[in-house]
PDB file of N, CA and C in Angstrom:
ATOM      1  N   MET A   1       0.873  -1.157  -0.060  1.00  0.00           N
ATOM      2  CA  MET A   1      -0.003   0.015  -0.010  1.00  0.00           C
ATOM      3  C   MET A   1       0.917   1.254  -0.010  1.00  0.00           C
ATOM      4  N   ALA A   2       0.596   2.137  -0.839  1.00  0.00           N
ATOM      5  CA  ALA A   2       1.361   3.329  -1.024  1.00  0.00           C
ATOM      6  C   ALA A   2       1.172   4.365   0.193  1.00  0.00           C
ATOM      7  N   LYS A   3       2.286   4.876   0.623  1.00  0.00           N
ATOM      8  CA  LYS A   3       2.225   5.810   1.761  1.00  0.00           C
ATOM      9  C   LYS A   3       1.729   7.137   1.252  1.00  0.00           C
ATOM     10  N   ALA A   4       0.901   7.853   1.931  1.00  0.00           N
ATOM     11  CA  ALA A   4       0.482   9.200   1.506  1.00  0.00           C
ATOM     12  C   ALA A   4       1.565  10.237   1.567  1.00  0.00           C
ATOM     13  N   VAL A   5       1.575  11.009   0.535  1.00  0.00           N
ATOM     14  CA  VAL A   5       2.628  12.034   0.429  1.00  0.00           C
ATOM     15  C   VAL A   5       2.107  13.252   1.080  1.00  0.00           C
ATOM     16  N   SER A   6       2.930  13.826   1.954  1.00  0.00           N
ATOM     17  CA  SER A   6       2.597  15.109   2.590  1.00  0.00           C
ATOM     18  C   SER A   6       3.725  16.065   2.510  1.00  0.00           C
ATOM     19  N   LYS A   7       3.351  17.287   2.239  1.00  0.00           N
ATOM     20  CA  LYS A   7       4.307  18.389   2.234  1.00  0.00           C
ATOM     21  C   LYS A   7       3.846  19.296   3.326  1.00  0.00           C
ATOM     22  N   SER A   8       4.884  19.837   4.012  1.00  0.00           N
ATOM     23  CA  SER A   8       4.635  20.715   5.112  1.00  0.00           C
ATOM     24  C   SER A   8       4.046  22.022   4.667  1.00  0.00           C
ATOM     25  N   GLU A   9       3.555  22.776   5.604  1.00  0.00           N
ATOM     26  CA  GLU A   9       2.842  24.094   5.304  1.00  0.00           C
ATOM     27  C   GLU A   9       3.949  24.967   4.693  1.00  0.00           C
ATOM     28  N   ILE A  10       5.132  25.042   5.182  1.00  0.00           N
ATOM     29  CA  ILE A  10       6.099  25.969   4.562  1.00  0.00           C
ATOM     30  C   ILE A  10       6.572  25.476   3.179  1.00  0.00           C
ATOM     31  N   GLU A  11       6.660  24.097   3.077  1.00  0.00           N
ATOM     32  CA  GLU A  11       7.014  23.610   1.672  1.00  0.00           C
ATOM     33  C   GLU A  11       5.993  23.995   0.701  1.00  0.00           C
ATOM     34  N   LEU A  12       4.714  23.841   1.005  1.00  0.00           N
ATOM     35  CA  LEU A  12       3.647  24.196   0.163  1.00  0.00           C
ATOM     36  C   LEU A  12       3.595  25.620  -0.146  1.00  0.00           C
ATOM     37  N   TYR A  13       3.953  26.487   0.848  1.00  0.00           N
ATOM     38  CA  TYR A  13       3.997  27.998   0.690  1.00  0.00           C
ATOM     39  C   TYR A  13       5.056  28.333  -0.371  1.00  0.00           C
ATOM     40  N   VAL A  14       6.218  27.790  -0.188  1.00  0.00           N
ATOM     41  CA  VAL A  14       7.298  28.042  -1.143  1.00  0.00           C
ATOM     42  C   VAL A  14       6.904  27.526  -2.576  1.00  0.00           C
ATOM     43  N   ILE A  15       6.429  26.351  -2.708  1.00  0.00           N
ATOM     44  CA  ILE A  15       6.028  25.786  -3.929  1.00  0.00           C
ATOM     45  C   ILE A  15       5.053  26.738  -4.667  1.00  0.00           C
ATOM     46  N   ASN A  16       4.071  27.159  -3.855  1.00  0.00           N
ATOM     47  CA  ASN A  16       3.047  28.046  -4.416  1.00  0.00           C
ATOM     48  C   ASN A  16       3.605  29.407  -4.904  1.00  0.00           C
ATOM     49  N   ARG A  17       4.545  29.941  -4.087  1.00  0.00           N
ATOM     50  CA  ARG A  17       5.136  31.217  -4.433  1.00  0.00           C
ATOM     51  C   ARG A  17       5.943  31.089  -5.705  1.00  0.00           C
ATOM     52  N   VAL A  18       6.653  30.035  -5.833  1.00  0.00           N
ATOM     53  CA  VAL A  18       7.478  29.785  -7.069  1.00  0.00           C
ATOM     54  C   VAL A  18       6.520  29.612  -8.301  1.00  0.00           C
ATOM     55  N   ARG A  19       5.395  28.919  -8.127  1.00  0.00           N
ATOM     56  CA  ARG A  19       4.452  28.716  -9.212  1.00  0.00           C
ATOM     57  C   ARG A  19       3.887  30.123  -9.571  1.00  0.00           C
ATOM     58  N   GLU A  20       3.482  30.878  -8.620  1.00  0.00           N
ATOM     59  CA  GLU A  20       2.893  32.220  -8.871  1.00  0.00           C
ATOM     60  C   GLU A  20       3.955  33.128  -9.658  1.00  0.00           C
ATOM     61  N   ILE A  21       5.078  33.109  -9.236  1.00  0.00           N
ATOM     62  CA  ILE A  21       6.039  33.980  -9.901  1.00  0.00           C
ATOM     63  C   ILE A  21       6.375  33.443 -11.267  1.00  0.00           C
ATOM     64  N   ARG A  22       6.429  32.069 -11.443  1.00  0.00           N
ATOM     65  CA  ARG A  22       6.720  31.441 -12.717  1.00  0.00           C
ATOM     66  C   ARG A  22       5.606  31.849 -13.733  1.00  0.00           C
ATOM     67  N   ILE A  23       4.381  31.661 -13.285  1.00  0.00           N
ATOM     68  CA  ILE A  23       3.270  31.986 -14.196  1.00  0.00           C
ATOM     69  C   ILE A  23       3.251  33.478 -14.456  1.00  0.00           C
ATOM     70  N   HIS A  24       3.464  34.324 -13.459  1.00  0.00           N
ATOM     71  CA  HIS A  24       3.494  35.794 -13.721  1.00  0.00           C
ATOM     72  C   HIS A  24       4.538  36.183 -14.854  1.00  0.00           C
ATOM     73  N   GLN A  25       5.696  35.397 -14.729  1.00  0.00           N
ATOM     74  CA  GLN A  25       6.719  35.756 -15.674  1.00  0.00           C
ATOM     75  C   GLN A  25       6.638  34.955 -16.981  1.00  0.00           C
ATOM     76  N   LYS A  26       5.490  34.211 -17.167  1.00  0.00           N
ATOM     77  CA  LYS A  26       5.252  33.444 -18.318  1.00  0.00           C
ATOM     78  C   LYS A  26       6.292  32.445 -18.672  1.00  0.00           C
ATOM     79  N   ILE A  27       6.779  31.738 -17.680  1.00  0.00           N
ATOM     80  CA  ILE A  27       7.825  30.686 -17.814  1.00  0.00           C
ATOM     81  C   ILE A  27       7.064  29.318 -17.621  1.00  0.00           C
ATOM     82  N   SER A  28       7.200  28.495 -18.550  1.00  0.00           N
ATOM     83  CA  SER A  28       6.634  27.098 -18.528  1.00  0.00           C
ATOM     84  C   SER A  28       7.403  26.244 -17.501  1.00  0.00           C
ATOM     85  N   GLN A  29       6.732  25.115 -17.059  1.00  0.00           N
ATOM     86  CA  GLN A  29       7.445  24.250 -16.190  1.00  0.00           C
ATOM     87  C   GLN A  29       8.709  23.676 -16.832  1.00  0.00           C
ATOM     88  N   ALA A  30       8.623  23.347 -18.110  1.00  0.00           N
ATOM     89  CA  ALA A  30       9.680  22.750 -18.852  1.00  0.00           C
ATOM     90  C   ALA A  30      10.808  23.838 -18.963  1.00  0.00           C
ATOM     91  N   ASP A  31      10.530  25.046 -19.261  1.00  0.00           N
ATOM     92  CA  ASP A  31      11.565  26.027 -19.456  1.00  0.00           C
ATOM     93  C   ASP A  31      12.276  26.315 -18.097  1.00  0.00           C
ATOM     94  N   LEU A  32      11.519  26.294 -16.931  1.00  0.00           N
ATOM     95  CA  LEU A  32      12.108  26.437 -15.645  1.00  0.00           C
ATOM     96  C   LEU A  32      12.989  25.362 -15.243  1.00  0.00           C
ATOM     97  N   ALA A  33      12.574  24.069 -15.598  1.00  0.00           N
ATOM     98  CA  ALA A  33      13.436  22.901 -15.334  1.00  0.00           C
ATOM     99  C   ALA A  33      14.774  22.996 -16.060  1.00  0.00           C
ATOM    100  N   ILE A  34      14.652  23.450 -17.296  1.00  0.00           N
ATOM    101  CA  ILE A  34      15.913  23.590 -18.098  1.00  0.00           C
ATOM    102  C   ILE A  34      16.844  24.717 -17.541  1.00  0.00           C
ATOM    103  N   LYS A  35      16.211  25.846 -17.065  1.00  0.00           N
ATOM    104  CA  LYS A  35      17.042  26.890 -16.393  1.00  0.00           C
ATOM    105  C   LYS A  35      17.602  26.463 -15.142  1.00  0.00           C
ATOM    106  N   LEU A  36      16.917  25.485 -14.388  1.00  0.00           N
ATOM    107  CA  LEU A  36      17.412  24.973 -13.137  1.00  0.00           C
ATOM    108  C   LEU A  36      18.346  23.818 -13.338  1.00  0.00           C
ATOM    109  N   ASP A  37      18.569  23.315 -14.609  1.00  0.00           N
ATOM    110  CA  ASP A  37      19.359  22.188 -14.982  1.00  0.00           C
ATOM    111  C   ASP A  37      18.829  21.005 -14.232  1.00  0.00           C
ATOM    112  N   LEU A  38      17.492  20.782 -14.308  1.00  0.00           N
ATOM    113  CA  LEU A  38      16.823  19.605 -13.710  1.00  0.00           C
ATOM    114  C   LEU A  38      16.069  18.857 -14.826  1.00  0.00           C
ATOM    115  N   SER A  39      15.605  17.720 -14.521  1.00  0.00           N
ATOM    116  CA  SER A  39      14.782  17.011 -15.502  1.00  0.00           C
ATOM    117  C   SER A  39      13.397  17.846 -15.788  1.00  0.00           C
ATOM    118  N   VAL A  40      12.951  17.649 -16.984  1.00  0.00           N
ATOM    119  CA  VAL A  40      11.782  18.401 -17.339  1.00  0.00           C
ATOM    120  C   VAL A  40      10.541  18.195 -16.440  1.00  0.00           C
ATOM    121  N   GLY A  41      10.415  16.883 -16.003  1.00  0.00           N
ATOM    122  CA  GLY A  41       9.323  16.498 -15.173  1.00  0.00           C
ATOM    123  C   GLY A  41       9.414  16.962 -13.669  1.00  0.00           C
ATOM    124  N   PHE A  42      10.569  17.390 -13.312  1.00  0.00           N
ATOM    125  CA  PHE A  42      10.814  17.727 -11.893  1.00  0.00           C
ATOM    126  C   PHE A  42       9.809  18.794 -11.393  1.00  0.00           C
ATOM    127  N   ILE A  43       9.737  19.928 -12.166  1.00  0.00           N
ATOM    128  CA  ILE A  43       8.833  21.011 -11.719  1.00  0.00           C
ATOM    129  C   ILE A  43       7.333  20.456 -11.563  1.00  0.00           C
ATOM    130  N   GLY A  44       6.891  19.685 -12.530  1.00  0.00           N
ATOM    131  CA  GLY A  44       5.586  19.182 -12.449  1.00  0.00           C
ATOM    132  C   GLY A  44       5.427  18.265 -11.207  1.00  0.00           C
ATOM    133  N   HIS A  45       6.440  17.525 -10.791  1.00  0.00           N
ATOM    134  CA  HIS A  45       6.402  16.714  -9.585  1.00  0.00           C
ATOM    135  C   HIS A  45       6.354  17.593  -8.345  1.00  0.00           C
ATOM    136  N   VAL A  46       7.213  18.748  -8.356  1.00  0.00           N
ATOM    137  CA  VAL A  46       7.128  19.605  -7.239  1.00  0.00           C
ATOM    138  C   VAL A  46       5.785  20.213  -7.019  1.00  0.00           C
ATOM    139  N   GLU A  47       5.206  20.729  -8.164  1.00  0.00           N
ATOM    140  CA  GLU A  47       3.907  21.382  -8.053  1.00  0.00           C
ATOM    141  C   GLU A  47       2.714  20.394  -7.789  1.00  0.00           C
ATOM    142  N   SER A  48       2.982  19.078  -7.941  1.00  0.00           N
ATOM    143  CA  SER A  48       1.884  18.123  -7.687  1.00  0.00           C
ATOM    144  C   SER A  48       1.822  17.720  -6.241  1.00  0.00           C
ATOM    145  N   PRO A  49       0.663  17.634  -5.678  1.00  0.00           N
ATOM    146  CA  PRO A  49       0.521  17.201  -4.226  1.00  0.00           C
ATOM    147  C   PRO A  49       0.844  15.639  -4.153  1.00  0.00           C
ATOM    148  N   ASN A  50       0.787  14.949  -5.262  1.00  0.00           N
ATOM    149  CA  ASN A  50       1.009  13.493  -5.267  1.00  0.00           C
ATOM    150  C   ASN A  50       2.438  13.011  -5.295  1.00  0.00           C
ATOM    151  N   HIS A  51       3.428  13.925  -5.349  1.00  0.00           N
ATOM    152  CA  HIS A  51       4.817  13.553  -5.405  1.00  0.00           C
ATOM    153  C   HIS A  51       5.563  14.231  -4.224  1.00  0.00           C
ATOM    154  N   ARG A  52       6.683  13.527  -3.841  1.00  0.00           N
ATOM    155  CA  ARG A  52       7.467  14.042  -2.782  1.00  0.00           C
ATOM    156  C   ARG A  52       8.441  15.223  -3.091  1.00  0.00           C
ATOM    157  N   ALA A  53       8.606  15.402  -4.409  1.00  0.00           N
ATOM    158  CA  ALA A  53       9.615  16.348  -4.854  1.00  0.00           C
ATOM    159  C   ALA A  53       9.325  17.698  -4.256  1.00  0.00           C
ATOM    160  N   LYS A  54      10.362  18.420  -3.968  1.00  0.00           N
ATOM    161  CA  LYS A  54      10.269  19.771  -3.464  1.00  0.00           C
ATOM    162  C   LYS A  54      11.558  20.538  -3.750  1.00  0.00           C
ATOM    163  N   TYR A  55      11.518  21.870  -3.553  1.00  0.00           N
ATOM    164  CA  TYR A  55      12.660  22.628  -3.744  1.00  0.00           C
ATOM    165  C   TYR A  55      13.582  22.639  -2.502  1.00  0.00           C
ATOM    166  N   ASN A  56      14.812  22.663  -2.700  1.00  0.00           N
ATOM    167  CA  ASN A  56      15.747  22.891  -1.580  1.00  0.00           C
ATOM    168  C   ASN A  56      16.322  24.233  -1.578  1.00  0.00           C
ATOM    169  N   LEU A  57      17.194  24.526  -0.669  1.00  0.00           N
ATOM    170  CA  LEU A  57      17.678  26.014  -0.666  1.00  0.00           C
ATOM    171  C   LEU A  57      18.539  26.351  -1.863  1.00  0.00           C
ATOM    172  N   ASN A  58      19.297  25.376  -2.377  1.00  0.00           N
ATOM    173  CA  ASN A  58      20.103  25.634  -3.582  1.00  0.00           C
ATOM    174  C   ASN A  58      19.115  25.954  -4.786  1.00  0.00           C
ATOM    175  N   HIS A  59      17.993  25.257  -4.899  1.00  0.00           N
ATOM    176  CA  HIS A  59      17.035  25.561  -5.878  1.00  0.00           C
ATOM    177  C   HIS A  59      16.465  26.938  -5.676  1.00  0.00           C
ATOM    178  N   ILE A  60      16.095  27.266  -4.482  1.00  0.00           N
ATOM    179  CA  ILE A  60      15.473  28.642  -4.130  1.00  0.00           C
ATOM    180  C   ILE A  60      16.525  29.688  -4.520  1.00  0.00           C
ATOM    181  N   ASN A  61      17.774  29.468  -4.273  1.00  0.00           N
ATOM    182  CA  ASN A  61      18.835  30.527  -4.527  1.00  0.00           C
ATOM    183  C   ASN A  61      18.913  30.693  -6.087  1.00  0.00           C
ATOM    184  N   LYS A  62      18.935  29.585  -6.772  1.00  0.00           N
ATOM    185  CA  LYS A  62      18.977  29.699  -8.223  1.00  0.00           C
ATOM    186  C   LYS A  62      17.715  30.330  -8.830  1.00  0.00           C
ATOM    187  N   LEU A  63      16.501  30.030  -8.227  1.00  0.00           N
ATOM    188  CA  LEU A  63      15.227  30.563  -8.593  1.00  0.00           C
ATOM    189  C   LEU A  63      15.250  32.073  -8.507  1.00  0.00           C
ATOM    190  N   ALA A  64      15.838  32.620  -7.407  1.00  0.00           N
ATOM    191  CA  ALA A  64      15.902  34.048  -7.199  1.00  0.00           C
ATOM    192  C   ALA A  64      16.748  34.747  -8.245  1.00  0.00           C
ATOM    193  N   LYS A  65      17.744  34.073  -8.738  1.00  0.00           N
ATOM    194  CA  LYS A  65      18.521  34.576  -9.907  1.00  0.00           C
ATOM    195  C   LYS A  65      17.759  34.494 -11.134  1.00  0.00           C
ATOM    196  N   ILE A  66      17.124  33.407 -11.414  1.00  0.00           N
ATOM    197  CA  ILE A  66      16.318  33.185 -12.667  1.00  0.00           C
ATOM    198  C   ILE A  66      15.244  34.258 -12.728  1.00  0.00           C
ATOM    199  N   PHE A  67      14.422  34.430 -11.589  1.00  0.00           N
ATOM    200  CA  PHE A  67      13.349  35.314 -11.575  1.00  0.00           C
ATOM    201  C   PHE A  67      13.705  36.752 -11.252  1.00  0.00           C
ATOM    202  N   ASP A  68      15.077  36.983 -10.962  1.00  0.00           N
ATOM    203  CA  ASP A  68      15.536  38.327 -10.655  1.00  0.00           C
ATOM    204  C   ASP A  68      14.702  38.998  -9.533  1.00  0.00           C
ATOM    205  N   CYS A  69      14.678  38.201  -8.413  1.00  0.00           N
ATOM    206  CA  CYS A  69      13.960  38.676  -7.291  1.00  0.00           C
ATOM    207  C   CYS A  69      14.678  38.392  -6.014  1.00  0.00           C
ATOM    208  N   PRO A  70      14.447  39.011  -4.870  1.00  0.00           N
ATOM    209  CA  PRO A  70      15.173  38.627  -3.635  1.00  0.00           C
ATOM    210  C   PRO A  70      14.794  37.242  -3.123  1.00  0.00           C
ATOM    211  N   PHE A  71      15.808  36.558  -2.547  1.00  0.00           N
ATOM    212  CA  PHE A  71      15.680  35.210  -2.004  1.00  0.00           C
ATOM    213  C   PHE A  71      14.380  35.171  -1.061  1.00  0.00           C
ATOM    214  N   GLN A  72      14.210  36.136  -0.249  1.00  0.00           N
ATOM    215  CA  GLN A  72      13.133  36.143   0.721  1.00  0.00           C
ATOM    216  C   GLN A  72      11.697  36.261   0.105  1.00  0.00           C
ATOM    217  N   ASP A  73      11.589  36.559  -1.194  1.00  0.00           N
ATOM    218  CA  ASP A  73      10.309  36.646  -1.844  1.00  0.00           C
ATOM    219  C   ASP A  73       9.604  35.298  -1.818  1.00  0.00           C
ATOM    220  N   PHE A  74      10.332  34.257  -1.537  1.00  0.00           N
ATOM    221  CA  PHE A  74       9.793  32.799  -1.674  1.00  0.00           C
ATOM    222  C   PHE A  74       9.209  32.349  -0.210  1.00  0.00           C
ATOM    223  N   PHE A  75       9.498  33.214   0.790  1.00  0.00           N
ATOM    224  CA  PHE A  75       9.103  32.789   2.173  1.00  0.00           C
ATOM    225  C   PHE A  75       8.102  33.806   2.791  1.00  0.00           C
ATOM    226  N   PRO A  76       7.357  33.304   3.676  1.00  0.00           N
ATOM    227  CA  PRO A  76       6.360  34.177   4.405  1.00  0.00           C
ATOM    228  C   PRO A  76       7.084  35.174   5.298  1.00  0.00           C
ATOM    229  N   SER A  77       6.418  36.291   5.606  1.00  0.00           N
ATOM    230  CA  SER A  77       7.054  37.354   6.378  1.00  0.00           C
ATOM    231  C   SER A  77       7.137  36.895   7.909  1.00  0.00           C
ATOM    232  N   THR A  78       6.353  35.989   8.321  1.00  0.00           N
ATOM    233  CA  THR A  78       6.394  35.463   9.694  1.00  0.00           C
ATOM    234  C   THR A  78       6.359  33.946   9.629  1.00  0.00           C
ATOM    235  N   PRO A  79       6.960  33.258  10.601  1.00  0.00           N
ATOM    236  CA  PRO A  79       6.947  31.843  10.679  1.00  0.00           C
ATOM    237  C   PRO A  79       5.605  31.258  10.826  1.00  0.00           C
ATOM    238  N   PHE A  80       5.440  30.058  10.380  1.00  0.00           N
ATOM    239  CA  PHE A  80       4.131  29.307  10.616  1.00  0.00           C
ATOM    240  C   PHE A  80       4.211  28.664  12.041  1.00  0.00           C
ATOM    241  N   GLU A  81       2.977  28.542  12.520  1.00  0.00           N
ATOM    242  CA  GLU A  81       2.916  28.007  13.891  1.00  0.00           C
ATOM    243  C   GLU A  81       2.963  26.469  13.879  1.00  0.00           C
ATOM    244  N   SER A  82       2.758  25.849  12.869  1.00  0.00           N
ATOM    245  CA  SER A  82       2.729  24.423  12.772  1.00  0.00           C
ATOM    246  C   SER A  82       4.029  23.753  13.179  1.00  0.00           C
ATOM    247  N   SER A  83       3.992  22.583  13.761  1.00  0.00           N
ATOM    248  CA  SER A  83       5.200  21.965  14.132  1.00  0.00           C
ATOM    249  C   SER A  83       5.610  20.934  13.128  1.00  0.00           C
ATOM    250  N   ILE A  84       6.837  20.445  13.195  1.00  0.00           N
ATOM    251  CA  ILE A  84       7.400  19.460  12.258  1.00  0.00           C
ATOM    252  C   ILE A  84       6.962  18.095  12.586  1.00  0.00           C
TER     253      ILE A  84
END
């Protein structure tokens, strides 16, 4: 039996912020994967709730360069209260 995939609240926040910026800048998932030097399906897996894939800090750093925005734009202004 497959184990349910769950991403934390902060992981989902970051994923959604990246998606919002990506769409706003009219960058496809495939184009973003190429710019990140990742497989084409990786971005789709990250943005899907059914996959474990997520961004790490190195990805976020590179995304800030790609999107030409501050690193902190991917994070909430205050911490979430949820526990790990």
